[in-house]
Amino acid sequence: MTTLITRTATMWTVGTSLLVAAAFAAAGCNAESRDGATGTPATGRAAASEPAPEKAPTVCTGCVTEERLGQRVAVEAGVSQQCPASGCWLRLKDDAGEVMVDLAPKKLILTEQRVGQQAKVTGKVVKKGGRIWLEAEKVEFSPAEKKDPAPADKK
């Protein structure tokens, strides 16, 4: 009987230890908290080890082409679509075309619906699966425009 109690206590201790270790591991994955989709640390200060990035030229979506692979650019356009599951990508569209934006490499996510809003995405032009993407480093949204209510018909 004593052996059974000892084994049960040992299994309970090991199981509890594994759960605590898993909780610490999961918390470590999100140790660097982010504010929204801007990609800046929650403190609002850039990390000391990262040099200040050089200014990226602002280009149209149609200018994000294979000729710009590896270059850092900024694109200002409307959000036409976004990842419905986890907010890890979006599409920007303007008169020149459309470009896919990957938010995952810098652990950026969209926490709310942004379709229809204007966005400025700064990032690196990359090729994934035969398509040209913009790998986002920073995402800024313009304040949502408020629509005036339709005027009431006067009778």
N, C-alpha and C. Protein backbone atom coordinates (compact mmCIF):
# COMPACT_ATOMS: atom_id res chain seq x y z
N MET A 1 0.82 -1.19 0.00
CA MET A 1 0.00 0.00 0.00
C MET A 1 0.87 1.26 0.00
N THR A 2 1.96 1.24 0.80
CA THR A 2 2.85 2.39 0.87
C THR A 2 3.50 2.64 -0.49
N THR A 3 3.85 1.58 -1.22
CA THR A 3 4.46 1.72 -2.53
C THR A 3 3.48 2.38 -3.50
N LEU A 4 2.22 2.03 -3.44
CA LEU A 4 1.21 2.61 -4.30
C LEU A 4 1.04 4.11 -4.02
N ILE A 5 1.04 4.48 -2.75
CA ILE A 5 0.92 5.90 -2.38
C ILE A 5 2.15 6.66 -2.84
N THR A 6 3.32 6.08 -2.69
CA THR A 6 4.56 6.73 -3.12
C THR A 6 4.56 6.93 -4.63
N ARG A 7 4.14 5.91 -5.39
CA ARG A 7 4.09 6.02 -6.85
C ARG A 7 3.10 7.10 -7.28
N THR A 8 1.94 7.13 -6.64
CA THR A 8 0.92 8.14 -6.97
C THR A 8 1.43 9.54 -6.69
N ALA A 9 2.09 9.73 -5.55
CA ALA A 9 2.64 11.04 -5.21
C ALA A 9 3.73 11.45 -6.19
N THR A 10 4.56 10.50 -6.59
CA THR A 10 5.63 10.79 -7.54
C THR A 10 5.05 11.18 -8.89
N MET A 11 4.04 10.44 -9.37
CA MET A 11 3.42 10.77 -10.65
C MET A 11 2.74 12.14 -10.59
N TRP A 12 2.08 12.45 -9.48
CA TRP A 12 1.44 13.75 -9.32
C TRP A 12 2.48 14.87 -9.35
N THR A 13 3.62 14.67 -8.67
CA THR A 13 4.68 15.68 -8.63
C THR A 13 5.26 15.88 -10.03
N VAL A 14 5.52 14.81 -10.73
CA VAL A 14 6.08 14.90 -12.10
C VAL A 14 5.08 15.59 -13.01
N GLY A 15 3.81 15.21 -12.94
CA GLY A 15 2.78 15.82 -13.78
C GLY A 15 2.64 17.31 -13.51
N THR A 16 2.63 17.69 -12.25
CA THR A 16 2.53 19.11 -11.89
C THR A 16 3.75 19.87 -12.40
N SER A 17 4.93 19.28 -12.25
CA SER A 17 6.16 19.93 -12.72
C SER A 17 6.12 20.15 -14.22
N LEU A 18 5.62 19.16 -14.96
CA LEU A 18 5.51 19.31 -16.42
C LEU A 18 4.53 20.41 -16.80
N LEU A 19 3.41 20.51 -16.09
CA LEU A 19 2.45 21.56 -16.37
C LEU A 19 3.04 22.94 -16.09
N VAL A 20 3.76 23.09 -15.00
CA VAL A 20 4.39 24.37 -14.67
C VAL A 20 5.44 24.72 -15.72
N ALA A 21 6.24 23.74 -16.14
CA ALA A 21 7.26 23.99 -17.17
C ALA A 21 6.61 24.41 -18.49
N ALA A 22 5.50 23.75 -18.85
CA ALA A 22 4.80 24.10 -20.09
C ALA A 22 4.23 25.52 -20.01
N ALA A 23 3.72 25.91 -18.85
CA ALA A 23 3.19 27.26 -18.69
C ALA A 23 4.29 28.30 -18.85
N PHE A 24 5.46 28.05 -18.27
CA PHE A 24 6.58 28.98 -18.42
C PHE A 24 7.06 29.04 -19.86
N ALA A 25 7.08 27.91 -20.54
CA ALA A 25 7.51 27.89 -21.94
C ALA A 25 6.54 28.68 -22.80
N ALA A 26 5.25 28.52 -22.57
CA ALA A 26 4.25 29.26 -23.35
C ALA A 26 4.34 30.75 -23.08
N ALA A 27 4.58 31.13 -21.85
CA ALA A 27 4.71 32.56 -21.52
C ALA A 27 5.95 33.14 -22.16
N GLY A 28 6.98 32.36 -22.30
CA GLY A 28 8.23 32.83 -22.92
C GLY A 28 8.06 33.14 -24.39
N CYS A 29 7.12 32.49 -25.07
CA CYS A 29 6.89 32.74 -26.49
C CYS A 29 6.42 34.16 -26.73
N ASN A 30 5.71 34.74 -25.77
CA ASN A 30 5.17 36.08 -25.92
C ASN A 30 5.85 37.06 -24.98
N ALA A 31 7.11 36.80 -24.64
CA ALA A 31 7.79 37.63 -23.66
C ALA A 31 7.91 39.07 -24.13
N GLU A 32 8.10 39.30 -25.43
CA GLU A 32 8.21 40.67 -25.94
C GLU A 32 6.84 41.10 -26.42
N SER A 33 6.12 41.78 -25.58
CA SER A 33 4.76 42.20 -25.90
C SER A 33 4.78 43.26 -26.99
N ARG A 34 3.80 43.21 -27.87
CA ARG A 34 3.70 44.16 -28.98
C ARG A 34 2.44 44.98 -28.82
N ASP A 35 2.46 46.23 -29.31
CA ASP A 35 1.25 47.06 -29.23
C ASP A 35 0.58 47.08 -30.59
N GLY A 36 -0.52 46.35 -30.69
CA GLY A 36 -1.28 46.30 -31.95
C GLY A 36 -0.47 45.71 -33.07
N ALA A 37 -0.46 46.34 -34.22
CA ALA A 37 0.26 45.82 -35.37
C ALA A 37 1.42 46.72 -35.75
N THR A 38 1.90 47.54 -34.83
CA THR A 38 2.98 48.44 -35.18
C THR A 38 4.33 47.78 -35.12
N GLY A 39 4.45 46.71 -34.34
CA GLY A 39 5.73 46.02 -34.27
C GLY A 39 6.71 46.67 -33.33
N THR A 40 6.32 47.65 -32.56
CA THR A 40 7.22 48.27 -31.61
C THR A 40 7.02 47.65 -30.25
N PRO A 41 8.08 47.54 -29.45
CA PRO A 41 7.90 46.99 -28.12
C PRO A 41 6.88 47.83 -27.34
N ALA A 42 6.22 47.21 -26.38
CA ALA A 42 5.16 47.88 -25.63
C ALA A 42 5.66 49.12 -24.90
N THR A 43 6.97 49.20 -24.64
CA THR A 43 7.52 50.36 -23.95
C THR A 43 7.52 51.59 -24.84
N GLY A 44 7.37 51.39 -26.15
CA GLY A 44 7.40 52.51 -27.08
C GLY A 44 8.81 52.88 -27.50
N ARG A 45 9.80 52.18 -26.95
CA ARG A 45 11.20 52.43 -27.31
C ARG A 45 11.71 51.29 -28.17
N ALA A 46 12.55 51.60 -29.12
CA ALA A 46 13.15 50.56 -29.94
C ALA A 46 14.18 49.82 -29.11
N ALA A 47 14.38 48.54 -29.41
CA ALA A 47 15.37 47.76 -28.70
C ALA A 47 16.76 48.35 -28.94
N ALA A 48 17.59 48.35 -27.92
CA ALA A 48 18.91 48.99 -28.00
C ALA A 48 19.81 48.29 -29.01
N SER A 49 19.63 46.98 -29.23
CA SER A 49 20.50 46.25 -30.13
C SER A 49 20.15 46.47 -31.60
N GLU A 50 18.98 47.00 -31.89
CA GLU A 50 18.56 47.20 -33.27
C GLU A 50 18.93 48.61 -33.73
N PRO A 51 19.70 48.71 -34.83
CA PRO A 51 20.00 50.05 -35.34
C PRO A 51 18.74 50.67 -35.94
N ALA A 52 18.70 51.98 -35.96
CA ALA A 52 17.56 52.68 -36.54
C ALA A 52 17.51 52.37 -38.04
N PRO A 53 16.35 51.89 -38.55
CA PRO A 53 16.28 51.54 -39.96
C PRO A 53 16.33 52.78 -40.84
N GLU A 54 16.91 52.60 -42.02
CA GLU A 54 16.97 53.72 -42.95
C GLU A 54 15.58 53.97 -43.51
N LYS A 55 15.34 55.19 -43.95
CA LYS A 55 14.03 55.57 -44.47
C LYS A 55 13.77 54.79 -45.76
N ALA A 56 12.60 54.21 -45.83
CA ALA A 56 12.22 53.43 -47.00
C ALA A 56 11.44 54.30 -47.97
N PRO A 57 11.71 54.20 -49.28
CA PRO A 57 10.94 54.98 -50.24
C PRO A 57 9.50 54.48 -50.30
N THR A 58 8.54 55.39 -50.42
CA THR A 58 7.13 55.02 -50.54
C THR A 58 6.83 54.74 -52.00
N VAL A 59 6.28 53.57 -52.28
CA VAL A 59 5.98 53.15 -53.65
C VAL A 59 4.53 52.69 -53.73
N CYS A 60 4.02 52.57 -54.95
CA CYS A 60 2.66 52.07 -55.15
C CYS A 60 2.68 50.53 -55.11
N THR A 61 1.51 49.92 -54.98
CA THR A 61 1.47 48.46 -54.92
C THR A 61 1.99 47.83 -56.21
N GLY A 62 1.75 48.47 -57.34
CA GLY A 62 2.23 47.95 -58.61
C GLY A 62 3.74 48.01 -58.75
N CYS A 63 4.40 48.77 -57.89
CA CYS A 63 5.86 48.90 -57.93
C CYS A 63 6.56 47.87 -57.05
N VAL A 64 5.79 47.07 -56.33
CA VAL A 64 6.39 46.00 -55.52
C VAL A 64 6.54 44.81 -56.46
N THR A 65 7.68 44.78 -57.15
CA THR A 65 7.93 43.79 -58.20
C THR A 65 9.24 43.04 -57.93
N GLU A 66 9.50 42.09 -58.79
CA GLU A 66 10.72 41.27 -58.67
C GLU A 66 11.99 42.12 -58.73
N GLU A 67 11.94 43.24 -59.43
CA GLU A 67 13.11 44.12 -59.51
C GLU A 67 13.47 44.71 -58.15
N ARG A 68 12.51 44.74 -57.23
CA ARG A 68 12.76 45.31 -55.89
C ARG A 68 13.03 44.24 -54.83
N LEU A 69 13.22 42.98 -55.22
CA LEU A 69 13.48 41.92 -54.26
C LEU A 69 14.62 42.31 -53.32
N GLY A 70 14.40 42.11 -52.03
CA GLY A 70 15.42 42.41 -51.03
C GLY A 70 15.45 43.86 -50.58
N GLN A 71 14.73 44.75 -51.28
CA GLN A 71 14.72 46.16 -50.92
C GLN A 71 13.66 46.44 -49.85
N ARG A 72 13.93 47.45 -49.07
CA ARG A 72 12.99 47.91 -48.04
C ARG A 72 12.19 49.06 -48.63
N VAL A 73 10.84 48.93 -48.61
CA VAL A 73 9.96 49.95 -49.17
C VAL A 73 8.78 50.19 -48.23
N ALA A 74 8.06 51.26 -48.49
CA ALA A 74 6.81 51.55 -47.78
C ALA A 74 5.71 51.64 -48.82
N VAL A 75 4.55 51.10 -48.50
CA VAL A 75 3.40 51.13 -49.40
C VAL A 75 2.21 51.70 -48.63
N GLU A 76 1.56 52.71 -49.23
CA GLU A 76 0.34 53.28 -48.65
C GLU A 76 -0.82 52.93 -49.57
N ALA A 77 -1.79 52.21 -49.03
CA ALA A 77 -2.95 51.80 -49.84
C ALA A 77 -4.06 51.34 -48.90
N GLY A 78 -5.19 50.99 -49.51
CA GLY A 78 -6.32 50.50 -48.73
C GLY A 78 -6.21 49.01 -48.46
N VAL A 79 -6.69 48.59 -47.30
CA VAL A 79 -6.70 47.17 -46.95
C VAL A 79 -7.91 46.55 -47.64
N SER A 80 -7.67 45.61 -48.55
CA SER A 80 -8.77 44.99 -49.29
C SER A 80 -9.18 43.65 -48.70
N GLN A 81 -8.27 43.02 -47.96
CA GLN A 81 -8.57 41.72 -47.37
C GLN A 81 -7.57 41.46 -46.26
N GLN A 82 -7.96 40.66 -45.24
CA GLN A 82 -7.02 40.30 -44.19
C GLN A 82 -7.30 38.88 -43.73
N CYS A 83 -6.32 38.28 -43.10
CA CYS A 83 -6.44 36.91 -42.60
C CYS A 83 -7.59 36.85 -41.60
N PRO A 84 -8.59 36.02 -41.86
CA PRO A 84 -9.74 35.96 -40.96
C PRO A 84 -9.46 35.15 -39.69
N ALA A 85 -8.43 34.31 -39.72
CA ALA A 85 -8.18 33.43 -38.58
C ALA A 85 -7.33 34.10 -37.51
N SER A 86 -6.11 34.49 -37.87
CA SER A 86 -5.19 35.01 -36.85
C SER A 86 -4.63 36.39 -37.16
N GLY A 87 -5.04 36.99 -38.27
CA GLY A 87 -4.56 38.34 -38.60
C GLY A 87 -3.10 38.38 -38.99
N CYS A 88 -2.60 37.33 -39.63
CA CYS A 88 -1.16 37.24 -39.93
C CYS A 88 -0.80 37.75 -41.32
N TRP A 89 -1.76 38.14 -42.15
CA TRP A 89 -1.48 38.71 -43.47
C TRP A 89 -2.60 39.66 -43.84
N LEU A 90 -2.32 40.48 -44.85
CA LEU A 90 -3.35 41.35 -45.42
C LEU A 90 -2.99 41.66 -46.86
N ARG A 91 -3.95 42.18 -47.59
CA ARG A 91 -3.74 42.63 -48.98
C ARG A 91 -3.95 44.13 -49.02
N LEU A 92 -3.03 44.81 -49.67
CA LEU A 92 -3.17 46.25 -49.90
C LEU A 92 -3.51 46.46 -51.37
N LYS A 93 -4.45 47.36 -51.63
CA LYS A 93 -4.87 47.61 -53.01
C LYS A 93 -4.98 49.10 -53.25
N ASP A 94 -4.45 49.53 -54.42
CA ASP A 94 -4.62 50.90 -54.88
C ASP A 94 -4.85 50.85 -56.38
N ASP A 95 -4.83 52.01 -57.05
CA ASP A 95 -5.10 52.06 -58.49
C ASP A 95 -4.07 51.30 -59.32
N ALA A 96 -2.85 51.11 -58.78
CA ALA A 96 -1.78 50.45 -59.53
C ALA A 96 -1.81 48.93 -59.41
N GLY A 97 -2.56 48.41 -58.45
CA GLY A 97 -2.61 46.95 -58.28
C GLY A 97 -2.82 46.54 -56.84
N GLU A 98 -2.34 45.34 -56.53
CA GLU A 98 -2.55 44.77 -55.21
C GLU A 98 -1.28 44.04 -54.78
N VAL A 99 -0.98 44.06 -53.47
CA VAL A 99 0.18 43.36 -52.97
C VAL A 99 -0.19 42.62 -51.68
N MET A 100 0.35 41.41 -51.53
CA MET A 100 0.16 40.63 -50.31
C MET A 100 1.20 41.08 -49.28
N VAL A 101 0.76 41.19 -48.03
CA VAL A 101 1.64 41.61 -46.94
C VAL A 101 1.66 40.50 -45.89
N ASP A 102 2.87 40.01 -45.59
CA ASP A 102 3.05 38.97 -44.58
C ASP A 102 3.43 39.63 -43.26
N LEU A 103 2.61 39.45 -42.24
CA LEU A 103 2.86 40.06 -40.93
C LEU A 103 3.57 39.09 -39.98
N ALA A 104 3.53 37.81 -40.27
CA ALA A 104 4.02 36.78 -39.35
C ALA A 104 5.52 36.84 -39.04
N PRO A 105 6.42 37.10 -40.00
CA PRO A 105 7.85 37.05 -39.67
C PRO A 105 8.27 37.97 -38.51
N LYS A 106 7.64 39.11 -38.36
CA LYS A 106 7.95 40.03 -37.26
C LYS A 106 6.95 39.89 -36.13
N LYS A 107 6.17 38.81 -36.16
CA LYS A 107 5.17 38.51 -35.12
C LYS A 107 4.14 39.63 -34.96
N LEU A 108 3.78 40.25 -36.07
CA LEU A 108 2.73 41.27 -36.06
C LEU A 108 1.41 40.58 -36.32
N ILE A 109 0.34 41.08 -35.72
CA ILE A 109 -0.99 40.53 -35.97
C ILE A 109 -2.00 41.66 -36.01
N LEU A 110 -3.08 41.43 -36.70
CA LEU A 110 -4.19 42.38 -36.73
C LEU A 110 -5.19 41.91 -35.69
N THR A 111 -5.43 42.73 -34.70
CA THR A 111 -6.32 42.34 -33.62
C THR A 111 -7.76 42.77 -33.87
N GLU A 112 -7.97 43.55 -34.91
CA GLU A 112 -9.34 43.98 -35.24
C GLU A 112 -9.49 44.06 -36.75
N GLN A 113 -10.72 44.16 -37.21
CA GLN A 113 -11.03 44.23 -38.64
C GLN A 113 -10.50 45.54 -39.23
N ARG A 114 -9.69 45.46 -40.28
CA ARG A 114 -9.08 46.64 -40.90
C ARG A 114 -9.46 46.81 -42.37
N VAL A 115 -10.27 45.93 -42.93
CA VAL A 115 -10.66 46.03 -44.33
C VAL A 115 -11.37 47.37 -44.55
N GLY A 116 -10.94 48.09 -45.61
CA GLY A 116 -11.53 49.38 -45.93
C GLY A 116 -10.73 50.55 -45.37
N GLN A 117 -9.80 50.29 -44.47
CA GLN A 117 -8.99 51.37 -43.91
C GLN A 117 -7.72 51.56 -44.73
N GLN A 118 -7.14 52.74 -44.63
CA GLN A 118 -5.86 53.04 -45.27
C GLN A 118 -4.74 52.58 -44.35
N ALA A 119 -3.70 52.00 -44.94
CA ALA A 119 -2.57 51.53 -44.15
C ALA A 119 -1.27 51.93 -44.83
N LYS A 120 -0.25 52.13 -44.01
CA LYS A 120 1.11 52.33 -44.51
C LYS A 120 1.94 51.19 -43.94
N VAL A 121 2.45 50.35 -44.85
CA VAL A 121 3.24 49.19 -44.44
C VAL A 121 4.67 49.39 -44.92
N THR A 122 5.61 49.26 -44.00
CA THR A 122 7.02 49.34 -44.33
C THR A 122 7.59 47.94 -44.16
N GLY A 123 8.35 47.50 -45.16
CA GLY A 123 8.91 46.16 -45.08
C GLY A 123 9.82 45.83 -46.24
N LYS A 124 10.18 44.58 -46.33
CA LYS A 124 11.12 44.08 -47.32
C LYS A 124 10.37 43.30 -48.40
N VAL A 125 10.73 43.51 -49.65
CA VAL A 125 10.12 42.79 -50.77
C VAL A 125 10.76 41.41 -50.86
N VAL A 126 9.91 40.37 -50.79
CA VAL A 126 10.40 38.99 -50.83
C VAL A 126 9.57 38.18 -51.84
N LYS A 127 10.09 37.01 -52.18
CA LYS A 127 9.37 36.10 -53.08
C LYS A 127 9.06 34.83 -52.30
N LYS A 128 7.77 34.48 -52.26
CA LYS A 128 7.33 33.27 -51.56
C LYS A 128 6.39 32.50 -52.47
N GLY A 129 6.70 31.25 -52.68
CA GLY A 129 5.83 30.41 -53.49
C GLY A 129 5.61 30.96 -54.89
N GLY A 130 6.60 31.62 -55.45
CA GLY A 130 6.49 32.16 -56.80
C GLY A 130 5.77 33.50 -56.88
N ARG A 131 5.36 34.05 -55.73
CA ARG A 131 4.65 35.34 -55.71
C ARG A 131 5.48 36.36 -54.95
N ILE A 132 5.30 37.63 -55.30
CA ILE A 132 5.99 38.72 -54.63
C ILE A 132 5.14 39.18 -53.45
N TRP A 133 5.75 39.28 -52.28
CA TRP A 133 5.10 39.68 -51.05
C TRP A 133 5.87 40.85 -50.44
N LEU A 134 5.22 41.55 -49.57
CA LEU A 134 5.89 42.56 -48.74
C LEU A 134 5.91 41.98 -47.33
N GLU A 135 7.10 41.74 -46.81
CA GLU A 135 7.27 41.20 -45.45
C GLU A 135 7.32 42.39 -44.50
N ALA A 136 6.25 42.59 -43.76
CA ALA A 136 6.06 43.80 -42.96
C ALA A 136 7.00 43.88 -41.77
N GLU A 137 7.52 45.09 -41.56
CA GLU A 137 8.31 45.41 -40.37
C GLU A 137 7.51 46.35 -39.47
N LYS A 138 6.67 47.17 -40.12
CA LYS A 138 5.87 48.14 -39.39
C LYS A 138 4.57 48.39 -40.16
N VAL A 139 3.47 48.51 -39.42
CA VAL A 139 2.17 48.77 -40.02
C VAL A 139 1.53 49.93 -39.27
N GLU A 140 1.07 50.93 -40.02
CA GLU A 140 0.36 52.07 -39.42
C GLU A 140 -0.96 52.23 -40.15
N PHE A 141 -2.02 52.49 -39.39
CA PHE A 141 -3.34 52.69 -39.98
C PHE A 141 -3.77 54.13 -39.79
N SER A 142 -4.41 54.68 -40.83
CA SER A 142 -5.01 56.00 -40.71
C SER A 142 -6.27 55.86 -39.91
N PRO A 143 -6.64 56.90 -39.17
CA PRO A 143 -7.90 56.82 -38.42
C PRO A 143 -9.05 56.54 -39.38
N ALA A 144 -9.96 55.71 -38.93
CA ALA A 144 -11.12 55.37 -39.77
C ALA A 144 -11.93 56.63 -40.04
N GLU A 145 -12.28 56.81 -41.29
CA GLU A 145 -13.07 57.97 -41.66
C GLU A 145 -14.51 57.76 -41.23
N LYS A 146 -15.09 58.77 -40.63
CA LYS A 146 -16.49 58.68 -40.22
C LYS A 146 -17.35 59.16 -41.37
N LYS A 147 -18.36 58.36 -41.69
CA LYS A 147 -19.27 58.72 -42.79
C LYS A 147 -20.39 59.59 -42.23
N ASP A 148 -20.71 60.62 -42.98
CA ASP A 148 -21.83 61.47 -42.59
C ASP A 148 -23.13 60.70 -42.82
N PRO A 149 -24.05 60.79 -41.90
CA PRO A 149 -25.33 60.11 -42.13
C PRO A 149 -26.04 60.72 -43.33
N ALA A 150 -26.79 59.91 -43.99
CA ALA A 150 -27.54 60.39 -45.17
C ALA A 150 -28.53 61.46 -44.71
N PRO A 151 -28.62 62.54 -45.46
CA PRO A 151 -29.57 63.59 -45.07
C PRO A 151 -31.01 63.08 -45.13
N ALA A 152 -31.78 63.46 -44.16
CA ALA A 152 -33.18 63.03 -44.10
C ALA A 152 -33.98 63.80 -45.15
N ASP A 153 -34.87 63.11 -45.79
CA ASP A 153 -35.73 63.77 -46.78
C ASP A 153 -36.69 64.70 -46.06
N LYS A 154 -36.79 65.92 -46.58
CA LYS A 154 -37.73 66.88 -46.00
C LYS A 154 -39.07 66.73 -46.67
N LYS A 155 -40.10 66.70 -45.87
CA LYS A 155 -41.44 66.53 -46.42
C LYS A 155 -42.19 67.80 -46.41
